[in-house]
Amino acid sequence: MRGFKDIEAGRKKHVKWLALANIFLASGDSVLFLGLLISFLQNAAPCEFSFFYLTLFSSTPGTQFLTVSGAIFATSVTMSFYYLFLGLYVRDKFGNGKNNSIMFAIYILFAARIILLFYPDNIWLASCLPEHTPNYSAWLRNAPFFLFGMLAIAALGRNTFGARARDGNPSGAASTKHMMIIIAALILSF
């Protein structure tokens, strides 16, 4: 983000989305790591809730946060924003900032995912369910996430390879190779 001011004006808009996407993803992973670390340091059993008491940063001393389930919730939110920002990157880089049917689907599925994250019957610690008990709440909240994440990845792949074919730029082979690795990593991350 510090180098953002040095980027030419025509690229700032789509570069901003990649920077925000990675900041959100790293933030969510950091929160999850800290939640797991706090739970570990408190010697919490895997299926017990570990509490983190905020006394220094809170106006109400002794405020409690559920560390592991709260961290899983936080990383679920930030991962959702990651794929939304990836879609916005594709829109601004390849679509001149114009929304299309894929972007509208991403917006709707993103909104559904965020709403479903607040569903009161969510089970955030699925490993604590009795053996062979399906976690329906995970399927419910992750279905729109999977769909709009894959739409964003597919749009990235289609536009990346389509731009190379349109431009007929043989020197783009190296960047296309790198994009193939990135797209494969994104697909495997699901």
N, C-alpha and C. Protein backbone atom coordinates (compact mmCIF):
# COMPACT_ATOMS: atom_id res chain seq x y z
N MET A 1 0.83 -1.20 0.00
CA MET A 1 0.00 0.00 0.00
C MET A 1 0.87 1.26 0.00
N ARG A 2 2.09 1.16 0.61
CA ARG A 2 2.97 2.33 0.62
C ARG A 2 3.37 2.74 -0.79
N GLY A 3 3.57 1.79 -1.67
CA GLY A 3 3.99 2.08 -3.03
C GLY A 3 2.83 2.45 -3.94
N PHE A 4 1.63 2.49 -3.42
CA PHE A 4 0.44 2.76 -4.23
C PHE A 4 0.51 4.11 -4.92
N LYS A 5 1.09 5.10 -4.27
CA LYS A 5 1.15 6.45 -4.85
C LYS A 5 2.05 6.50 -6.08
N ASP A 6 2.96 5.54 -6.22
CA ASP A 6 3.88 5.53 -7.35
C ASP A 6 3.32 4.81 -8.58
N ILE A 7 2.15 4.21 -8.44
CA ILE A 7 1.56 3.46 -9.55
C ILE A 7 0.83 4.43 -10.47
N GLU A 8 0.95 4.21 -11.77
CA GLU A 8 0.31 5.09 -12.73
C GLU A 8 -1.21 5.06 -12.54
N ALA A 9 -1.85 6.18 -12.83
CA ALA A 9 -3.27 6.37 -12.56
C ALA A 9 -4.15 5.30 -13.19
N GLY A 10 -3.84 4.86 -14.38
CA GLY A 10 -4.67 3.86 -15.07
C GLY A 10 -4.68 2.50 -14.39
N ARG A 11 -3.68 2.22 -13.59
CA ARG A 11 -3.58 0.91 -12.92
C ARG A 11 -4.00 0.95 -11.46
N LYS A 12 -4.12 2.14 -10.89
CA LYS A 12 -4.38 2.25 -9.45
C LYS A 12 -5.65 1.54 -9.03
N LYS A 13 -6.69 1.67 -9.84
CA LYS A 13 -7.98 1.13 -9.42
C LYS A 13 -7.93 -0.38 -9.24
N HIS A 14 -7.40 -1.11 -10.24
CA HIS A 14 -7.41 -2.56 -10.09
C HIS A 14 -6.31 -3.05 -9.15
N VAL A 15 -5.21 -2.35 -9.06
CA VAL A 15 -4.15 -2.74 -8.12
C VAL A 15 -4.65 -2.59 -6.68
N LYS A 16 -5.47 -1.58 -6.44
CA LYS A 16 -6.05 -1.37 -5.11
C LYS A 16 -6.82 -2.60 -4.65
N TRP A 17 -7.59 -3.22 -5.56
CA TRP A 17 -8.39 -4.39 -5.17
C TRP A 17 -7.50 -5.57 -4.79
N LEU A 18 -6.40 -5.77 -5.51
CA LEU A 18 -5.49 -6.86 -5.14
C LEU A 18 -4.84 -6.60 -3.78
N ALA A 19 -4.45 -5.36 -3.54
CA ALA A 19 -3.84 -5.02 -2.25
C ALA A 19 -4.85 -5.24 -1.12
N LEU A 20 -6.07 -4.76 -1.29
CA LEU A 20 -7.09 -4.95 -0.25
C LEU A 20 -7.41 -6.42 -0.04
N ALA A 21 -7.48 -7.18 -1.14
CA ALA A 21 -7.77 -8.61 -1.02
C ALA A 21 -6.73 -9.29 -0.14
N ASN A 22 -5.48 -9.00 -0.40
CA ASN A 22 -4.41 -9.66 0.36
C ASN A 22 -4.33 -9.16 1.79
N ILE A 23 -4.63 -7.88 2.02
CA ILE A 23 -4.66 -7.36 3.39
C ILE A 23 -5.77 -8.05 4.19
N PHE A 24 -6.95 -8.20 3.59
CA PHE A 24 -8.06 -8.86 4.28
C PHE A 24 -7.72 -10.32 4.57
N LEU A 25 -7.17 -11.02 3.58
CA LEU A 25 -6.84 -12.43 3.78
C LEU A 25 -5.79 -12.59 4.88
N ALA A 26 -4.76 -11.78 4.86
CA ALA A 26 -3.71 -11.86 5.88
C ALA A 26 -4.26 -11.50 7.26
N SER A 27 -5.16 -10.52 7.32
CA SER A 27 -5.76 -10.13 8.60
C SER A 27 -6.57 -11.28 9.19
N GLY A 28 -7.38 -11.92 8.35
CA GLY A 28 -8.18 -13.05 8.83
C GLY A 28 -7.32 -14.20 9.31
N ASP A 29 -6.28 -14.51 8.56
CA ASP A 29 -5.38 -15.58 8.98
C ASP A 29 -4.67 -15.23 10.28
N SER A 30 -4.32 -13.96 10.45
CA SER A 30 -3.66 -13.53 11.69
C SER A 30 -4.59 -13.65 12.88
N VAL A 31 -5.85 -13.26 12.69
CA VAL A 31 -6.83 -13.38 13.78
C VAL A 31 -7.04 -14.85 14.14
N LEU A 32 -7.12 -15.70 13.14
CA LEU A 32 -7.30 -17.12 13.41
C LEU A 32 -6.09 -17.68 14.15
N PHE A 33 -4.89 -17.32 13.72
CA PHE A 33 -3.68 -17.78 14.40
C PHE A 33 -3.68 -17.32 15.86
N LEU A 34 -4.01 -16.04 16.09
CA LEU A 34 -4.02 -15.53 17.47
C LEU A 34 -5.08 -16.22 18.32
N GLY A 35 -6.24 -16.48 17.74
CA GLY A 35 -7.28 -17.19 18.48
C GLY A 35 -6.84 -18.58 18.89
N LEU A 36 -6.22 -19.29 17.96
CA LEU A 36 -5.72 -20.63 18.28
C LEU A 36 -4.58 -20.58 19.29
N LEU A 37 -3.72 -19.58 19.16
CA LEU A 37 -2.61 -19.43 20.10
C LEU A 37 -3.11 -19.13 21.51
N ILE A 38 -4.06 -18.22 21.63
CA ILE A 38 -4.62 -17.87 22.95
C ILE A 38 -5.27 -19.09 23.57
N SER A 39 -6.04 -19.82 22.76
CA SER A 39 -6.69 -21.03 23.27
C SER A 39 -5.65 -22.05 23.74
N PHE A 40 -4.59 -22.21 22.97
CA PHE A 40 -3.52 -23.13 23.35
C PHE A 40 -2.85 -22.69 24.64
N LEU A 41 -2.55 -21.40 24.77
CA LEU A 41 -1.89 -20.89 25.97
C LEU A 41 -2.78 -21.02 27.21
N GLN A 42 -4.08 -21.04 27.01
CA GLN A 42 -5.01 -21.22 28.14
C GLN A 42 -5.29 -22.69 28.42
N ASN A 43 -4.59 -23.57 27.70
CA ASN A 43 -4.76 -25.02 27.86
C ASN A 43 -6.20 -25.47 27.67
N ALA A 44 -6.90 -24.84 26.75
CA ALA A 44 -8.28 -25.23 26.47
C ALA A 44 -8.30 -26.53 25.69
N ALA A 45 -9.21 -27.40 26.07
CA ALA A 45 -9.39 -28.65 25.32
C ALA A 45 -9.95 -28.30 23.94
N PRO A 46 -9.74 -29.14 22.93
CA PRO A 46 -10.14 -28.80 21.56
C PRO A 46 -11.60 -28.39 21.42
N CYS A 47 -12.50 -28.95 22.21
CA CYS A 47 -13.92 -28.63 22.06
C CYS A 47 -14.45 -27.73 23.16
N GLU A 48 -13.59 -27.20 23.98
CA GLU A 48 -14.03 -26.21 24.98
C GLU A 48 -13.80 -24.83 24.43
N PHE A 49 -14.63 -23.92 24.83
CA PHE A 49 -14.44 -22.54 24.41
C PHE A 49 -13.38 -21.90 25.28
N SER A 50 -12.50 -21.21 24.65
CA SER A 50 -11.47 -20.47 25.36
C SER A 50 -11.87 -19.01 25.34
N PHE A 51 -11.73 -18.34 26.45
CA PHE A 51 -12.10 -16.93 26.53
C PHE A 51 -10.86 -16.06 26.61
N PHE A 52 -10.92 -14.98 25.90
CA PHE A 52 -9.85 -13.98 25.97
C PHE A 52 -10.47 -12.75 26.63
N TYR A 53 -9.91 -12.34 27.72
CA TYR A 53 -10.47 -11.22 28.48
C TYR A 53 -9.78 -9.93 28.05
N LEU A 54 -10.57 -9.03 27.52
CA LEU A 54 -10.03 -7.72 27.14
C LEU A 54 -10.16 -6.78 28.34
N THR A 55 -9.05 -6.39 28.88
CA THR A 55 -9.09 -5.44 29.99
C THR A 55 -8.39 -4.14 29.63
N LEU A 56 -7.37 -4.21 28.79
CA LEU A 56 -6.62 -3.01 28.44
C LEU A 56 -7.29 -2.21 27.34
N PHE A 57 -7.93 -2.89 26.39
CA PHE A 57 -8.45 -2.22 25.21
C PHE A 57 -9.95 -1.96 25.29
N SER A 58 -10.59 -2.35 26.35
CA SER A 58 -12.03 -2.26 26.42
C SER A 58 -12.46 -1.22 27.43
N SER A 59 -13.56 -0.54 27.13
CA SER A 59 -14.11 0.40 28.10
C SER A 59 -14.82 -0.35 29.22
N THR A 60 -15.16 -1.62 28.96
CA THR A 60 -15.76 -2.46 29.98
C THR A 60 -14.75 -3.53 30.39
N PRO A 61 -14.05 -3.36 31.50
CA PRO A 61 -13.05 -4.34 31.89
C PRO A 61 -13.66 -5.73 32.03
N GLY A 62 -12.94 -6.70 31.58
CA GLY A 62 -13.40 -8.08 31.68
C GLY A 62 -14.25 -8.53 30.51
N THR A 63 -14.33 -7.76 29.44
CA THR A 63 -15.09 -8.18 28.27
C THR A 63 -14.49 -9.46 27.73
N GLN A 64 -15.34 -10.41 27.39
CA GLN A 64 -14.87 -11.71 26.94
C GLN A 64 -15.11 -11.90 25.45
N PHE A 65 -14.17 -12.52 24.80
CA PHE A 65 -14.33 -12.94 23.41
C PHE A 65 -14.05 -14.42 23.33
N LEU A 66 -14.91 -15.15 22.61
CA LEU A 66 -14.62 -16.56 22.35
C LEU A 66 -13.51 -16.60 21.32
N THR A 67 -12.39 -17.15 21.66
CA THR A 67 -11.23 -17.02 20.79
C THR A 67 -11.32 -17.87 19.53
N VAL A 68 -11.49 -19.16 19.65
CA VAL A 68 -11.42 -20.01 18.46
C VAL A 68 -12.64 -19.81 17.57
N SER A 69 -13.84 -19.89 18.11
CA SER A 69 -15.02 -19.73 17.26
C SER A 69 -15.10 -18.31 16.72
N GLY A 70 -14.71 -17.32 17.51
CA GLY A 70 -14.68 -15.94 17.02
C GLY A 70 -13.65 -15.76 15.92
N ALA A 71 -12.51 -16.42 16.05
CA ALA A 71 -11.46 -16.33 15.04
C ALA A 71 -11.88 -17.01 13.75
N ILE A 72 -12.59 -18.14 13.85
CA ILE A 72 -13.09 -18.82 12.66
C ILE A 72 -14.12 -17.94 11.97
N PHE A 73 -14.98 -17.28 12.74
CA PHE A 73 -15.95 -16.36 12.16
C PHE A 73 -15.23 -15.22 11.44
N ALA A 74 -14.22 -14.63 12.09
CA ALA A 74 -13.48 -13.50 11.50
C ALA A 74 -12.80 -13.89 10.20
N THR A 75 -12.18 -15.06 10.18
CA THR A 75 -11.50 -15.47 8.95
C THR A 75 -12.51 -15.82 7.86
N SER A 76 -13.71 -16.25 8.24
CA SER A 76 -14.76 -16.50 7.25
C SER A 76 -15.20 -15.20 6.59
N VAL A 77 -15.28 -14.14 7.37
CA VAL A 77 -15.64 -12.83 6.82
C VAL A 77 -14.54 -12.33 5.89
N THR A 78 -13.29 -12.40 6.34
CA THR A 78 -12.20 -11.86 5.53
C THR A 78 -11.98 -12.67 4.26
N MET A 79 -12.18 -13.99 4.30
CA MET A 79 -12.07 -14.78 3.08
C MET A 79 -13.15 -14.39 2.08
N SER A 80 -14.33 -14.08 2.59
CA SER A 80 -15.42 -13.64 1.71
C SER A 80 -15.03 -12.36 0.99
N PHE A 81 -14.47 -11.42 1.74
CA PHE A 81 -14.04 -10.17 1.12
C PHE A 81 -12.90 -10.40 0.14
N TYR A 82 -12.04 -11.36 0.42
CA TYR A 82 -10.93 -11.65 -0.49
C TYR A 82 -11.46 -11.96 -1.89
N TYR A 83 -12.42 -12.86 -1.98
CA TYR A 83 -12.92 -13.25 -3.30
C TYR A 83 -13.79 -12.17 -3.93
N LEU A 84 -14.47 -11.37 -3.11
CA LEU A 84 -15.19 -10.22 -3.67
C LEU A 84 -14.18 -9.25 -4.29
N PHE A 85 -13.10 -8.96 -3.58
CA PHE A 85 -12.09 -8.04 -4.11
C PHE A 85 -11.39 -8.61 -5.33
N LEU A 86 -11.22 -9.94 -5.39
CA LEU A 86 -10.66 -10.56 -6.58
C LEU A 86 -11.57 -10.33 -7.78
N GLY A 87 -12.88 -10.48 -7.57
CA GLY A 87 -13.84 -10.20 -8.63
C GLY A 87 -13.80 -8.74 -9.06
N LEU A 88 -13.67 -7.83 -8.10
CA LEU A 88 -13.58 -6.41 -8.44
C LEU A 88 -12.30 -6.09 -9.20
N TYR A 89 -11.23 -6.79 -8.86
CA TYR A 89 -9.97 -6.64 -9.61
C TYR A 89 -10.18 -7.01 -11.07
N VAL A 90 -10.81 -8.17 -11.30
CA VAL A 90 -11.06 -8.62 -12.67
C VAL A 90 -11.96 -7.63 -13.39
N ARG A 91 -13.00 -7.15 -12.71
CA ARG A 91 -13.91 -6.18 -13.31
C ARG A 91 -13.17 -4.93 -13.76
N ASP A 92 -12.32 -4.40 -12.89
CA ASP A 92 -11.64 -3.14 -13.21
C ASP A 92 -10.46 -3.32 -14.17
N LYS A 93 -9.79 -4.46 -14.10
CA LYS A 93 -8.64 -4.66 -14.99
C LYS A 93 -9.07 -5.05 -16.40
N PHE A 94 -10.05 -5.93 -16.50
CA PHE A 94 -10.42 -6.46 -17.81
C PHE A 94 -11.76 -5.93 -18.33
N GLY A 95 -12.61 -5.45 -17.43
CA GLY A 95 -13.94 -5.03 -17.85
C GLY A 95 -14.16 -3.53 -17.81
N ASN A 96 -13.07 -2.78 -17.68
CA ASN A 96 -13.14 -1.31 -17.65
C ASN A 96 -14.09 -0.79 -16.57
N GLY A 97 -14.19 -1.53 -15.47
CA GLY A 97 -15.00 -1.08 -14.34
C GLY A 97 -16.49 -1.30 -14.51
N LYS A 98 -16.88 -2.02 -15.55
CA LYS A 98 -18.31 -2.25 -15.80
C LYS A 98 -18.72 -3.60 -15.25
N ASN A 99 -19.85 -3.60 -14.55
CA ASN A 99 -20.38 -4.85 -14.01
C ASN A 99 -21.02 -5.66 -15.12
N ASN A 100 -20.91 -6.97 -14.99
CA ASN A 100 -21.58 -7.88 -15.90
C ASN A 100 -22.35 -8.90 -15.08
N SER A 101 -22.92 -9.89 -15.73
CA SER A 101 -23.75 -10.86 -15.02
C SER A 101 -22.94 -11.64 -13.98
N ILE A 102 -21.68 -11.90 -14.27
CA ILE A 102 -20.84 -12.62 -13.30
C ILE A 102 -20.64 -11.77 -12.05
N MET A 103 -20.39 -10.48 -12.23
CA MET A 103 -20.20 -9.61 -11.06
C MET A 103 -21.49 -9.48 -10.25
N PHE A 104 -22.64 -9.41 -10.92
CA PHE A 104 -23.90 -9.35 -10.18
C PHE A 104 -24.12 -10.63 -9.38
N ALA A 105 -23.76 -11.77 -9.97
CA ALA A 105 -23.86 -13.04 -9.24
C ALA A 105 -22.91 -13.03 -8.04
N ILE A 106 -21.70 -12.52 -8.22
CA ILE A 106 -20.74 -12.43 -7.11
C ILE A 106 -21.30 -11.55 -6.01
N TYR A 107 -21.88 -10.40 -6.36
CA TYR A 107 -22.45 -9.50 -5.35
C TYR A 107 -23.56 -10.20 -4.56
N ILE A 108 -24.45 -10.87 -5.26
CA ILE A 108 -25.59 -11.52 -4.59
C ILE A 108 -25.12 -12.67 -3.70
N LEU A 109 -24.22 -13.49 -4.22
CA LEU A 109 -23.71 -14.62 -3.43
C LEU A 109 -22.86 -14.15 -2.25
N PHE A 110 -22.11 -13.06 -2.45
CA PHE A 110 -21.33 -12.48 -1.34
C PHE A 110 -22.29 -12.01 -0.24
N ALA A 111 -23.34 -11.30 -0.61
CA ALA A 111 -24.31 -10.82 0.39
C ALA A 111 -24.97 -12.00 1.12
N ALA A 112 -25.32 -13.05 0.36
CA ALA A 112 -25.91 -14.24 0.99
C ALA A 112 -24.93 -14.87 1.98
N ARG A 113 -23.67 -14.96 1.60
CA ARG A 113 -22.66 -15.54 2.48
C ARG A 113 -22.53 -14.74 3.78
N ILE A 114 -22.43 -13.41 3.65
CA ILE A 114 -22.29 -12.58 4.84
C ILE A 114 -23.50 -12.73 5.75
N ILE A 115 -24.70 -12.73 5.18
CA ILE A 115 -25.92 -12.90 5.99
C ILE A 115 -25.90 -14.26 6.67
N LEU A 116 -25.52 -15.31 5.95
CA LEU A 116 -25.52 -16.66 6.52
C LEU A 116 -24.45 -16.83 7.60
N LEU A 117 -23.41 -16.01 7.59
CA LEU A 117 -22.42 -16.08 8.67
C LEU A 117 -23.03 -15.67 10.01
N PHE A 118 -24.11 -14.90 9.97
CA PHE A 118 -24.78 -14.47 11.19
C PHE A 118 -25.95 -15.36 11.58
N TYR A 119 -26.14 -16.44 10.86
CA TYR A 119 -27.20 -17.40 11.16
C TYR A 119 -26.96 -17.95 12.56
N PRO A 120 -27.96 -17.83 13.45
CA PRO A 120 -27.72 -18.19 14.86
C PRO A 120 -27.40 -19.66 15.11
N ASP A 121 -27.78 -20.55 14.21
CA ASP A 121 -27.52 -21.98 14.42
C ASP A 121 -26.21 -22.45 13.81
N ASN A 122 -25.33 -21.52 13.44
CA ASN A 122 -24.03 -21.92 12.91
C ASN A 122 -23.25 -22.69 13.97
N ILE A 123 -22.62 -23.74 13.52
CA ILE A 123 -21.73 -24.52 14.39
C ILE A 123 -20.32 -24.24 13.90
N TRP A 124 -19.56 -23.47 14.67
CA TRP A 124 -18.25 -23.03 14.23
C TRP A 124 -17.16 -24.03 14.53
N LEU A 125 -17.37 -24.90 15.50
CA LEU A 125 -16.36 -25.90 15.83
C LEU A 125 -16.88 -27.27 15.40
N ALA A 126 -16.86 -27.50 14.09
CA ALA A 126 -17.43 -28.72 13.53
C ALA A 126 -16.73 -29.98 14.06
N SER A 127 -15.47 -29.86 14.40
CA SER A 127 -14.74 -31.04 14.90
C SER A 127 -15.29 -31.49 16.25
N CYS A 128 -16.12 -30.68 16.88
CA CYS A 128 -16.64 -31.03 18.20
C CYS A 128 -18.01 -31.69 18.13
N LEU A 129 -18.56 -31.84 16.93
CA LEU A 129 -19.83 -32.54 16.78
C LEU A 129 -19.61 -34.03 17.02
N PRO A 130 -20.65 -34.73 17.45
CA PRO A 130 -20.52 -36.19 17.59
C PRO A 130 -20.11 -36.80 16.25
N GLU A 131 -19.40 -37.91 16.32
CA GLU A 131 -18.88 -38.55 15.11
C GLU A 131 -20.02 -38.88 14.14
N HIS A 132 -19.77 -38.65 12.86
CA HIS A 132 -20.71 -38.90 11.76
C HIS A 132 -21.93 -37.97 11.79
N THR A 133 -21.84 -36.86 12.48
CA THR A 133 -22.92 -35.88 12.48
C THR A 133 -22.58 -34.80 11.47
N PRO A 134 -23.40 -34.65 10.44
CA PRO A 134 -23.08 -33.62 9.44
C PRO A 134 -23.29 -32.22 9.99
N ASN A 135 -22.46 -31.32 9.54
CA ASN A 135 -22.56 -29.92 9.95
C ASN A 135 -23.30 -29.15 8.86
N TYR A 136 -24.63 -29.14 8.96
CA TYR A 136 -25.44 -28.51 7.93
C TYR A 136 -25.19 -27.01 7.85
N SER A 137 -24.87 -26.39 8.96
CA SER A 137 -24.64 -24.94 8.94
C SER A 137 -23.40 -24.60 8.10
N ALA A 138 -22.40 -25.47 8.12
CA ALA A 138 -21.20 -25.22 7.31
C ALA A 138 -21.55 -25.32 5.82
N TRP A 139 -22.36 -26.32 5.46
CA TRP A 139 -22.77 -26.44 4.06
C TRP A 139 -23.58 -25.22 3.64
N LEU A 140 -24.46 -24.76 4.51
CA LEU A 140 -25.32 -23.63 4.18
C LEU A 140 -24.51 -22.35 3.96
N ARG A 141 -23.60 -22.04 4.87
CA ARG A 141 -22.85 -20.79 4.76
C ARG A 141 -21.72 -20.86 3.72
N ASN A 142 -21.24 -22.07 3.43
CA ASN A 142 -20.12 -22.19 2.50
C ASN A 142 -20.55 -22.40 1.05
N ALA A 143 -21.80 -22.76 0.80
CA ALA A 143 -22.25 -22.96 -0.59
C ALA A 143 -22.16 -21.66 -1.40
N PRO A 144 -22.69 -20.53 -0.92
CA PRO A 144 -22.54 -19.31 -1.72
C PRO A 144 -21.08 -18.87 -1.83
N PHE A 145 -20.31 -19.10 -0.78
CA PHE A 145 -18.89 -18.75 -0.79
C PHE A 145 -18.16 -19.52 -1.88
N PHE A 146 -18.42 -20.82 -1.95
CA PHE A 146 -17.78 -21.64 -2.97
C PHE A 146 -18.16 -21.16 -4.37
N LEU A 147 -19.43 -20.86 -4.56
CA LEU A 147 -19.89 -20.44 -5.89
C LEU A 147 -19.28 -19.11 -6.31
N PHE A 148 -19.33 -18.10 -5.43
CA PHE A 148 -18.80 -16.80 -5.88
C PHE A 148 -17.28 -16.78 -5.90
N GLY A 149 -16.64 -17.59 -5.07
CA GLY A 149 -15.19 -17.71 -5.15
C GLY A 149 -14.74 -18.34 -6.45
N MET A 150 -15.43 -19.40 -6.85
CA MET A 150 -15.09 -20.05 -8.12
C MET A 150 -15.43 -19.16 -9.31
N LEU A 151 -16.52 -18.39 -9.21
CA LEU A 151 -16.84 -17.44 -10.29
C LEU A 151 -15.73 -16.41 -10.45
N ALA A 152 -15.21 -15.90 -9.33
CA ALA A 152 -14.13 -14.91 -9.39
C ALA A 152 -12.87 -15.52 -9.99
N ILE A 153 -12.55 -16.76 -9.59
CA ILE A 153 -11.37 -17.43 -10.13
C ILE A 153 -11.55 -17.71 -11.62
N ALA A 154 -12.73 -18.20 -12.01
CA ALA A 154 -13.00 -18.48 -13.42
C ALA A 154 -12.92 -17.21 -14.25
N ALA A 155 -13.45 -16.09 -13.72
CA ALA A 155 -13.38 -14.82 -14.45
C ALA A 155 -11.94 -14.37 -14.60
N LEU A 156 -11.13 -14.57 -13.56
CA LEU A 156 -9.72 -14.23 -13.65
C LEU A 156 -9.03 -15.05 -14.73
N GLY A 157 -9.27 -16.36 -14.73
CA GLY A 157 -8.65 -17.23 -15.72
C GLY A 157 -9.11 -16.90 -17.14
N ARG A 158 -10.39 -16.75 -17.30
CA ARG A 158 -10.92 -16.46 -18.64
C ARG A 158 -10.38 -15.15 -19.18
N ASN A 159 -10.33 -14.13 -18.35
CA ASN A 159 -9.87 -12.83 -18.81
C ASN A 159 -8.36 -12.78 -18.99
N THR A 160 -7.63 -13.47 -18.15
CA THR A 160 -6.17 -13.49 -18.28
C THR A 160 -5.77 -14.15 -19.60
N PHE A 161 -6.32 -15.32 -19.85
CA PHE A 161 -5.95 -16.04 -21.07
C PHE A 161 -6.59 -15.40 -22.30
N GLY A 162 -7.77 -14.81 -22.15
CA GLY A 162 -8.41 -14.11 -23.25
C GLY A 162 -7.65 -12.86 -23.65
N ALA A 163 -7.09 -12.14 -22.68
CA ALA A 163 -6.31 -10.93 -22.99
C ALA A 163 -5.05 -11.29 -23.75
N ARG A 164 -4.41 -12.38 -23.37
CA ARG A 164 -3.19 -12.80 -24.07
C ARG A 164 -3.51 -13.19 -25.51
N ALA A 165 -4.63 -13.90 -25.70
CA ALA A 165 -5.02 -14.32 -27.06
C ALA A 165 -5.38 -13.10 -27.91
N ARG A 166 -6.09 -12.13 -27.32
CA ARG A 166 -6.47 -10.92 -28.06
C ARG A 166 -5.25 -10.10 -28.44
N ASP A 167 -4.32 -9.97 -27.49
CA ASP A 167 -3.14 -9.14 -27.73
C ASP A 167 -2.15 -9.83 -28.67
N GLY A 168 -2.18 -11.16 -28.69
CA GLY A 168 -1.22 -11.90 -29.51
C GLY A 168 0.21 -11.66 -29.09
N ASN A 169 0.40 -11.44 -27.80
CA ASN A 169 1.71 -11.09 -27.28
C ASN A 169 2.46 -12.35 -26.87
N PRO A 170 3.43 -12.80 -27.66
CA PRO A 170 4.17 -14.01 -27.29
C PRO A 170 5.03 -13.81 -26.05
N SER A 171 5.40 -12.57 -25.75
CA SER A 171 6.22 -12.35 -24.55
C SER A 171 5.39 -12.46 -23.28
N GLY A 172 4.09 -12.59 -23.43
CA GLY A 172 3.22 -12.75 -22.26
C GLY A 172 3.21 -14.16 -21.73
N ALA A 173 3.97 -15.06 -22.32
CA ALA A 173 3.98 -16.46 -21.90
C ALA A 173 4.42 -16.61 -20.44
N ALA A 174 5.42 -15.84 -20.03
CA ALA A 174 5.90 -15.94 -18.64
C ALA A 174 4.83 -15.48 -17.67
N SER A 175 4.17 -14.36 -17.96
CA SER A 175 3.13 -13.88 -17.05
C SER A 175 1.93 -14.82 -17.05
N THR A 176 1.63 -15.42 -18.21
CA THR A 176 0.53 -16.39 -18.27
C THR A 176 0.88 -17.61 -17.43
N LYS A 177 2.12 -18.05 -17.46
CA LYS A 177 2.56 -19.18 -16.65
C LYS A 177 2.37 -18.87 -15.17
N HIS A 178 2.73 -17.67 -14.77
CA HIS A 178 2.57 -17.28 -13.36
C HIS A 178 1.09 -17.21 -12.99
N MET A 179 0.27 -16.71 -13.89
CA MET A 179 -1.16 -16.63 -13.61
C MET A 179 -1.76 -18.03 -13.51
N MET A 180 -1.28 -18.98 -14.31
CA MET A 180 -1.77 -20.36 -14.22
C MET A 180 -1.45 -20.93 -12.84
N ILE A 181 -0.27 -20.63 -12.32
CA ILE A 181 0.12 -21.09 -10.98
C ILE A 181 -0.79 -20.45 -9.92
N ILE A 182 -1.05 -19.15 -10.07
CA ILE A 182 -1.92 -18.45 -9.11
C ILE A 182 -3.33 -19.02 -9.16
N ILE A 183 -3.86 -19.23 -10.35
CA ILE A 183 -5.22 -19.76 -10.49
C ILE A 183 -5.30 -21.17 -9.92
N ALA A 184 -4.29 -21.99 -10.21
CA ALA A 184 -4.27 -23.35 -9.65
C ALA A 184 -4.21 -23.31 -8.12
N ALA A 185 -3.43 -22.42 -7.56
CA ALA A 185 -3.34 -22.28 -6.09
C ALA A 185 -4.69 -21.85 -5.51
N LEU A 186 -5.37 -20.92 -6.18
CA LEU A 186 -6.67 -20.46 -5.70
C LEU A 186 -7.69 -21.60 -5.73
N ILE A 187 -7.69 -22.37 -6.81
CA ILE A 187 -8.63 -23.50 -6.89
C ILE A 187 -8.32 -24.53 -5.81
N LEU A 188 -7.04 -24.84 -5.62
CA LEU A 188 -6.66 -25.82 -4.61
C LEU A 188 -6.97 -25.33 -3.19
N SER A 189 -7.00 -24.03 -3.00
CA SER A 189 -7.27 -23.50 -1.65
C SER A 189 -8.69 -23.83 -1.19
N PHE A 190 -9.58 -24.09 -2.13
CA PHE A 190 -10.92 -24.50 -1.74
C PHE A 190 -10.92 -25.92 -1.23
